[in-house]
Amino acid sequence: MEGQEYLKKSKVIKIDSKKSWEHYISYATNQSYPLWSIGFVKITIPVVVVHFSAFWCVPSIQMNPFFQELASNYQDVLFLTLDVDEVKEIASKMEIKAIPTFLFLNGGTLVDKIVGANPDEIRKRVDHFIQSTPS
């Protein structure tokens, strides 16, 4: 998958198609994640944070380093990024009306949403979900 190339350089996974979205959401939902070529290892990744962005949106671009930092600091959370112009079908399905938008999914279900570039609130909500999600 093309998104896996991005994974090699970053802890944030770039979603570049409906197929890659379904792949990562499915694994997070089932709490299974592929471990190289040796099969599947059961690990807990119930919380997914998705950054819906666009290459032309300055606030979205400014949030990228912060989002990378979160991904490095919160190893038990799956961080995804998606350009709304590249994967319009998913942006529409998730009812993204403004960017940047940050969605919080737990077990594949939308549990929270932040619209706008608000690093303190995003960090606060990630902390909340980490603490309230059983391991």
N, C-alpha and C. Protein backbone atom coordinates (compact mmCIF):
# COMPACT_ATOMS: atom_id res chain seq x y z
N MET A 1 0.83 -1.20 0.00
CA MET A 1 0.00 0.00 0.00
C MET A 1 0.86 1.25 0.00
N GLU A 2 0.38 2.25 -0.67
CA GLU A 2 1.15 3.48 -0.76
C GLU A 2 1.31 4.13 0.61
N GLY A 3 0.31 4.03 1.46
CA GLY A 3 0.37 4.61 2.79
C GLY A 3 1.51 4.04 3.62
N GLN A 4 1.92 2.81 3.33
CA GLN A 4 3.00 2.19 4.09
C GLN A 4 4.34 2.87 3.81
N GLU A 5 4.51 3.45 2.64
CA GLU A 5 5.73 4.20 2.35
C GLU A 5 5.85 5.39 3.30
N TYR A 6 4.76 6.06 3.53
CA TYR A 6 4.73 7.19 4.44
C TYR A 6 5.05 6.74 5.86
N LEU A 7 4.56 5.55 6.22
CA LEU A 7 4.77 5.00 7.55
C LEU A 7 6.26 4.83 7.85
N LYS A 8 7.05 4.50 6.85
CA LYS A 8 8.48 4.29 7.07
C LYS A 8 9.17 5.57 7.52
N LYS A 9 8.66 6.73 7.10
CA LYS A 9 9.28 8.00 7.41
C LYS A 9 8.63 8.68 8.61
N SER A 10 7.47 8.23 9.01
CA SER A 10 6.68 8.96 9.97
C SER A 10 5.85 8.00 10.82
N LYS A 11 5.48 8.43 11.99
CA LYS A 11 4.55 7.66 12.83
C LYS A 11 3.11 7.93 12.41
N VAL A 12 2.90 8.95 11.58
CA VAL A 12 1.58 9.27 11.06
C VAL A 12 1.43 8.57 9.72
N ILE A 13 0.31 7.88 9.55
CA ILE A 13 0.07 7.14 8.31
C ILE A 13 -0.79 7.99 7.39
N LYS A 14 -0.31 8.15 6.17
CA LYS A 14 -1.04 8.93 5.17
C LYS A 14 -2.05 8.03 4.48
N ILE A 15 -3.30 8.41 4.56
CA ILE A 15 -4.37 7.69 3.87
C ILE A 15 -4.51 8.30 2.48
N ASP A 16 -4.31 7.50 1.46
CA ASP A 16 -4.31 8.02 0.10
C ASP A 16 -5.38 7.41 -0.78
N SER A 17 -6.23 6.56 -0.19
CA SER A 17 -7.30 5.94 -0.96
C SER A 17 -8.36 5.38 -0.01
N LYS A 18 -9.51 5.08 -0.57
CA LYS A 18 -10.57 4.44 0.23
C LYS A 18 -10.05 3.09 0.75
N LYS A 19 -9.31 2.39 -0.08
CA LYS A 19 -8.78 1.08 0.30
C LYS A 19 -7.84 1.18 1.50
N SER A 20 -6.95 2.16 1.51
CA SER A 20 -6.04 2.30 2.65
C SER A 20 -6.80 2.72 3.91
N TRP A 21 -7.84 3.57 3.76
CA TRP A 21 -8.70 3.95 4.90
C TRP A 21 -9.33 2.69 5.50
N GLU A 22 -9.95 1.89 4.66
CA GLU A 22 -10.62 0.68 5.14
C GLU A 22 -9.63 -0.28 5.80
N HIS A 23 -8.43 -0.37 5.22
CA HIS A 23 -7.39 -1.25 5.76
C HIS A 23 -7.04 -0.87 7.20
N TYR A 24 -6.69 0.39 7.41
CA TYR A 24 -6.24 0.81 8.75
C TYR A 24 -7.38 0.88 9.75
N ILE A 25 -8.56 1.31 9.33
CA ILE A 25 -9.69 1.36 10.24
C ILE A 25 -10.11 -0.06 10.63
N SER A 26 -10.08 -0.96 9.68
CA SER A 26 -10.43 -2.35 9.96
C SER A 26 -9.48 -2.96 10.99
N TYR A 27 -8.19 -2.78 10.80
CA TYR A 27 -7.23 -3.34 11.76
C TYR A 27 -7.35 -2.69 13.13
N ALA A 28 -7.57 -1.39 13.17
CA ALA A 28 -7.74 -0.73 14.47
C ALA A 28 -9.02 -1.21 15.14
N THR A 29 -10.07 -1.39 14.37
CA THR A 29 -11.34 -1.85 14.90
C THR A 29 -11.22 -3.26 15.47
N ASN A 30 -10.50 -4.11 14.77
CA ASN A 30 -10.33 -5.50 15.21
C ASN A 30 -9.19 -5.65 16.21
N GLN A 31 -8.51 -4.54 16.47
CA GLN A 31 -7.36 -4.51 17.38
C GLN A 31 -6.28 -5.50 16.95
N SER A 32 -6.16 -5.69 15.67
CA SER A 32 -5.08 -6.49 15.11
C SER A 32 -4.31 -5.59 14.17
N TYR A 33 -3.04 -5.78 14.11
CA TYR A 33 -2.23 -4.94 13.25
C TYR A 33 -1.15 -5.80 12.62
N PRO A 34 -0.93 -5.68 11.31
CA PRO A 34 0.06 -6.55 10.68
C PRO A 34 1.48 -6.23 11.18
N LEU A 35 2.22 -7.25 11.47
CA LEU A 35 3.60 -7.07 11.90
C LEU A 35 4.51 -7.67 10.83
N TRP A 36 4.98 -6.82 9.95
CA TRP A 36 5.83 -7.21 8.83
C TRP A 36 5.23 -8.41 8.11
N SER A 37 6.04 -9.39 7.81
CA SER A 37 5.53 -10.52 7.04
C SER A 37 5.35 -11.77 7.89
N ILE A 38 5.41 -11.65 9.22
CA ILE A 38 5.31 -12.84 10.05
C ILE A 38 3.88 -13.12 10.50
N GLY A 39 2.94 -12.39 9.98
CA GLY A 39 1.55 -12.65 10.33
C GLY A 39 0.95 -11.51 11.12
N PHE A 40 -0.08 -11.83 11.88
CA PHE A 40 -0.78 -10.80 12.63
C PHE A 40 -0.56 -10.98 14.12
N VAL A 41 -0.32 -9.87 14.77
CA VAL A 41 -0.08 -9.86 16.20
C VAL A 41 -1.21 -9.07 16.83
N LYS A 42 -1.79 -9.57 17.88
CA LYS A 42 -2.89 -8.90 18.55
C LYS A 42 -2.31 -7.84 19.48
N ILE A 43 -2.60 -6.58 19.19
CA ILE A 43 -2.21 -5.49 20.07
C ILE A 43 -3.40 -4.56 20.21
N THR A 44 -3.38 -3.71 21.21
CA THR A 44 -4.51 -2.83 21.44
C THR A 44 -4.25 -1.47 20.81
N ILE A 45 -5.02 -1.15 19.80
CA ILE A 45 -5.01 0.18 19.20
C ILE A 45 -6.48 0.57 19.01
N PRO A 46 -7.20 0.77 20.11
CA PRO A 46 -8.62 1.09 19.93
C PRO A 46 -8.85 2.54 19.53
N VAL A 47 -7.91 3.43 19.84
CA VAL A 47 -8.11 4.85 19.57
C VAL A 47 -7.38 5.23 18.28
N VAL A 48 -8.12 5.88 17.38
CA VAL A 48 -7.57 6.37 16.13
C VAL A 48 -7.86 7.87 16.07
N VAL A 49 -6.83 8.65 15.74
CA VAL A 49 -7.00 10.09 15.55
C VAL A 49 -6.70 10.38 14.08
N VAL A 50 -7.64 11.05 13.43
CA VAL A 50 -7.49 11.33 12.00
C VAL A 50 -7.46 12.84 11.78
N HIS A 51 -6.43 13.29 11.08
CA HIS A 51 -6.29 14.70 10.71
C HIS A 51 -6.74 14.85 9.27
N PHE A 52 -7.90 15.47 9.07
CA PHE A 52 -8.38 15.78 7.73
C PHE A 52 -7.82 17.14 7.35
N SER A 53 -7.08 17.18 6.26
CA SER A 53 -6.36 18.39 5.88
C SER A 53 -6.45 18.62 4.38
N ALA A 54 -5.74 19.64 3.92
CA ALA A 54 -5.59 19.92 2.49
C ALA A 54 -4.25 20.62 2.30
N PHE A 55 -3.60 20.36 1.17
CA PHE A 55 -2.28 20.92 0.94
C PHE A 55 -2.29 22.45 0.88
N TRP A 56 -3.42 23.04 0.55
CA TRP A 56 -3.53 24.49 0.40
C TRP A 56 -4.01 25.19 1.67
N CYS A 57 -4.31 24.43 2.70
CA CYS A 57 -4.85 25.00 3.95
C CYS A 57 -3.70 25.26 4.93
N VAL A 58 -3.38 26.52 5.14
CA VAL A 58 -2.26 26.89 6.00
C VAL A 58 -2.41 26.34 7.43
N PRO A 59 -3.58 26.48 8.09
CA PRO A 59 -3.70 25.90 9.43
C PRO A 59 -3.47 24.39 9.45
N SER A 60 -3.89 23.69 8.41
CA SER A 60 -3.65 22.24 8.34
C SER A 60 -2.15 21.95 8.26
N ILE A 61 -1.47 22.68 7.41
CA ILE A 61 -0.03 22.50 7.25
C ILE A 61 0.70 22.81 8.56
N GLN A 62 0.26 23.87 9.23
CA GLN A 62 0.89 24.24 10.50
C GLN A 62 0.67 23.19 11.58
N MET A 63 -0.37 22.40 11.48
CA MET A 63 -0.65 21.36 12.47
C MET A 63 0.16 20.09 12.24
N ASN A 64 0.75 19.93 11.07
CA ASN A 64 1.48 18.70 10.76
C ASN A 64 2.60 18.37 11.75
N PRO A 65 3.50 19.31 12.11
CA PRO A 65 4.55 18.96 13.07
C PRO A 65 3.98 18.57 14.44
N PHE A 66 2.94 19.25 14.87
CA PHE A 66 2.29 18.91 16.14
C PHE A 66 1.71 17.50 16.07
N PHE A 67 1.07 17.17 14.97
CA PHE A 67 0.46 15.85 14.81
C PHE A 67 1.54 14.77 14.81
N GLN A 68 2.67 15.06 14.17
CA GLN A 68 3.82 14.14 14.18
C GLN A 68 4.32 13.92 15.61
N GLU A 69 4.39 15.01 16.36
CA GLU A 69 4.84 14.92 17.76
C GLU A 69 3.89 14.04 18.57
N LEU A 70 2.59 14.24 18.40
CA LEU A 70 1.62 13.41 19.11
C LEU A 70 1.83 11.93 18.77
N ALA A 71 2.00 11.65 17.50
CA ALA A 71 2.18 10.27 17.06
C ALA A 71 3.43 9.64 17.68
N SER A 72 4.46 10.43 17.86
CA SER A 72 5.69 9.92 18.49
C SER A 72 5.51 9.69 19.99
N ASN A 73 4.69 10.52 20.62
CA ASN A 73 4.52 10.45 22.07
C ASN A 73 3.45 9.46 22.53
N TYR A 74 2.49 9.17 21.67
CA TYR A 74 1.39 8.28 22.03
C TYR A 74 1.44 7.03 21.16
N GLN A 75 2.25 6.07 21.57
CA GLN A 75 2.48 4.87 20.77
C GLN A 75 1.25 3.97 20.66
N ASP A 76 0.31 4.08 21.61
CA ASP A 76 -0.86 3.21 21.62
C ASP A 76 -2.04 3.78 20.83
N VAL A 77 -1.81 4.89 20.14
CA VAL A 77 -2.85 5.52 19.33
C VAL A 77 -2.41 5.46 17.87
N LEU A 78 -3.36 5.16 16.99
CA LEU A 78 -3.08 5.15 15.56
C LEU A 78 -3.41 6.52 15.01
N PHE A 79 -2.41 7.19 14.42
CA PHE A 79 -2.58 8.53 13.86
C PHE A 79 -2.60 8.44 12.34
N LEU A 80 -3.68 8.94 11.75
CA LEU A 80 -3.85 8.93 10.31
C LEU A 80 -4.00 10.37 9.82
N THR A 81 -3.55 10.63 8.61
CA THR A 81 -3.79 11.92 7.98
C THR A 81 -4.37 11.68 6.60
N LEU A 82 -5.28 12.56 6.20
CA LEU A 82 -5.99 12.37 4.95
C LEU A 82 -6.23 13.73 4.31
N ASP A 83 -5.82 13.87 3.05
CA ASP A 83 -6.08 15.10 2.30
C ASP A 83 -7.47 15.00 1.70
N VAL A 84 -8.34 15.95 2.06
CA VAL A 84 -9.75 15.89 1.64
C VAL A 84 -9.90 15.97 0.12
N ASP A 85 -8.95 16.57 -0.57
CA ASP A 85 -9.03 16.65 -2.02
C ASP A 85 -8.57 15.36 -2.71
N GLU A 86 -7.78 14.57 -2.02
CA GLU A 86 -7.30 13.31 -2.58
C GLU A 86 -8.25 12.14 -2.31
N VAL A 87 -8.91 12.17 -1.17
CA VAL A 87 -9.80 11.07 -0.78
C VAL A 87 -11.16 11.67 -0.41
N LYS A 88 -11.78 12.25 -1.43
CA LYS A 88 -13.05 12.97 -1.23
C LYS A 88 -14.16 12.07 -0.69
N GLU A 89 -14.17 10.82 -1.11
CA GLU A 89 -15.23 9.90 -0.68
C GLU A 89 -15.24 9.71 0.84
N ILE A 90 -14.07 9.58 1.43
CA ILE A 90 -13.99 9.40 2.89
C ILE A 90 -14.32 10.70 3.60
N ALA A 91 -13.82 11.82 3.09
CA ALA A 91 -14.14 13.12 3.70
C ALA A 91 -15.65 13.35 3.69
N SER A 92 -16.29 12.99 2.62
CA SER A 92 -17.74 13.14 2.52
C SER A 92 -18.45 12.19 3.47
N LYS A 93 -18.01 10.95 3.49
CA LYS A 93 -18.61 9.93 4.37
C LYS A 93 -18.52 10.35 5.84
N MET A 94 -17.39 10.95 6.22
CA MET A 94 -17.18 11.37 7.61
C MET A 94 -17.73 12.77 7.88
N GLU A 95 -18.40 13.35 6.88
CA GLU A 95 -19.05 14.64 6.99
C GLU A 95 -18.10 15.78 7.40
N ILE A 96 -16.96 15.82 6.71
CA ILE A 96 -15.98 16.87 6.95
C ILE A 96 -16.42 18.12 6.19
N LYS A 97 -16.70 19.18 6.93
CA LYS A 97 -17.21 20.43 6.33
C LYS A 97 -16.18 21.55 6.37
N ALA A 98 -15.15 21.41 7.21
CA ALA A 98 -14.11 22.44 7.35
C ALA A 98 -12.80 21.73 7.67
N ILE A 99 -11.71 22.40 7.35
CA ILE A 99 -10.40 21.83 7.66
C ILE A 99 -9.54 22.89 8.33
N PRO A 100 -8.66 22.46 9.21
CA PRO A 100 -8.45 21.08 9.62
C PRO A 100 -9.57 20.59 10.53
N THR A 101 -9.86 19.31 10.42
CA THR A 101 -10.78 18.62 11.32
C THR A 101 -10.06 17.40 11.85
N PHE A 102 -10.23 17.15 13.13
CA PHE A 102 -9.62 16.00 13.79
C PHE A 102 -10.73 15.12 14.33
N LEU A 103 -10.75 13.86 13.88
CA LEU A 103 -11.74 12.91 14.36
C LEU A 103 -11.07 11.92 15.30
N PHE A 104 -11.81 11.55 16.33
CA PHE A 104 -11.37 10.55 17.29
C PHE A 104 -12.29 9.35 17.16
N LEU A 105 -11.71 8.21 16.82
CA LEU A 105 -12.48 6.98 16.64
C LEU A 105 -12.04 5.99 17.70
N ASN A 106 -13.00 5.26 18.22
CA ASN A 106 -12.71 4.21 19.19
C ASN A 106 -13.44 2.96 18.72
N GLY A 107 -12.69 1.92 18.42
CA GLY A 107 -13.30 0.72 17.90
C GLY A 107 -13.98 0.95 16.56
N GLY A 108 -13.50 1.92 15.80
CA GLY A 108 -14.07 2.23 14.50
C GLY A 108 -15.26 3.18 14.55
N THR A 109 -15.68 3.58 15.74
CA THR A 109 -16.84 4.46 15.91
C THR A 109 -16.37 5.87 16.24
N LEU A 110 -16.98 6.85 15.58
CA LEU A 110 -16.66 8.25 15.87
C LEU A 110 -17.12 8.59 17.28
N VAL A 111 -16.18 9.10 18.09
CA VAL A 111 -16.51 9.46 19.47
C VAL A 111 -16.30 10.94 19.76
N ASP A 112 -15.53 11.63 18.92
CA ASP A 112 -15.29 13.05 19.16
C ASP A 112 -14.76 13.69 17.89
N LYS A 113 -14.88 15.02 17.87
CA LYS A 113 -14.47 15.77 16.68
C LYS A 113 -14.02 17.15 17.11
N ILE A 114 -12.91 17.61 16.55
CA ILE A 114 -12.43 18.97 16.77
C ILE A 114 -12.28 19.62 15.39
N VAL A 115 -12.92 20.75 15.21
CA VAL A 115 -12.79 21.50 13.97
C VAL A 115 -11.91 22.71 14.25
N GLY A 116 -10.83 22.84 13.49
CA GLY A 116 -9.90 23.95 13.68
C GLY A 116 -8.58 23.49 14.27
N ALA A 117 -7.61 24.39 14.20
CA ALA A 117 -6.26 24.11 14.68
C ALA A 117 -6.15 24.51 16.14
N ASN A 118 -6.32 23.53 17.03
CA ASN A 118 -6.28 23.79 18.46
C ASN A 118 -5.44 22.71 19.15
N PRO A 119 -4.11 22.86 19.11
CA PRO A 119 -3.22 21.82 19.63
C PRO A 119 -3.49 21.44 21.09
N ASP A 120 -3.74 22.43 21.95
CA ASP A 120 -3.96 22.13 23.36
C ASP A 120 -5.19 21.25 23.55
N GLU A 121 -6.26 21.55 22.85
CA GLU A 121 -7.49 20.76 22.98
C GLU A 121 -7.32 19.36 22.40
N ILE A 122 -6.59 19.25 21.30
CA ILE A 122 -6.34 17.93 20.71
C ILE A 122 -5.55 17.06 21.68
N ARG A 123 -4.49 17.62 22.25
CA ARG A 123 -3.68 16.86 23.21
C ARG A 123 -4.52 16.45 24.42
N LYS A 124 -5.34 17.36 24.90
CA LYS A 124 -6.22 17.08 26.05
C LYS A 124 -7.16 15.92 25.75
N ARG A 125 -7.72 15.91 24.56
CA ARG A 125 -8.67 14.84 24.20
C ARG A 125 -7.96 13.51 23.98
N VAL A 126 -6.77 13.54 23.40
CA VAL A 126 -6.01 12.30 23.26
C VAL A 126 -5.72 11.73 24.64
N ASP A 127 -5.27 12.58 25.56
CA ASP A 127 -5.02 12.14 26.95
C ASP A 127 -6.28 11.53 27.56
N HIS A 128 -7.40 12.19 27.34
CA HIS A 128 -8.68 11.70 27.89
C HIS A 128 -9.01 10.31 27.35
N PHE A 129 -8.86 10.13 26.05
CA PHE A 129 -9.20 8.84 25.46
C PHE A 129 -8.23 7.74 25.87
N ILE A 130 -6.97 8.08 26.03
CA ILE A 130 -5.99 7.09 26.49
C ILE A 130 -6.38 6.62 27.90
N GLN A 131 -6.74 7.56 28.76
CA GLN A 131 -7.08 7.22 30.14
C GLN A 131 -8.41 6.49 30.26
N SER A 132 -9.36 6.77 29.36
CA SER A 132 -10.68 6.18 29.48
C SER A 132 -10.86 4.89 28.67
N THR A 133 -9.84 4.50 27.90
CA THR A 133 -9.93 3.29 27.08
C THR A 133 -9.21 2.16 27.78
N PRO A 134 -9.92 1.06 28.07
CA PRO A 134 -9.26 -0.07 28.72
C PRO A 134 -8.24 -0.72 27.80
N SER A 135 -7.11 -1.16 28.36
CA SER A 135 -6.06 -1.81 27.57
C SER A 135 -6.35 -3.26 27.35
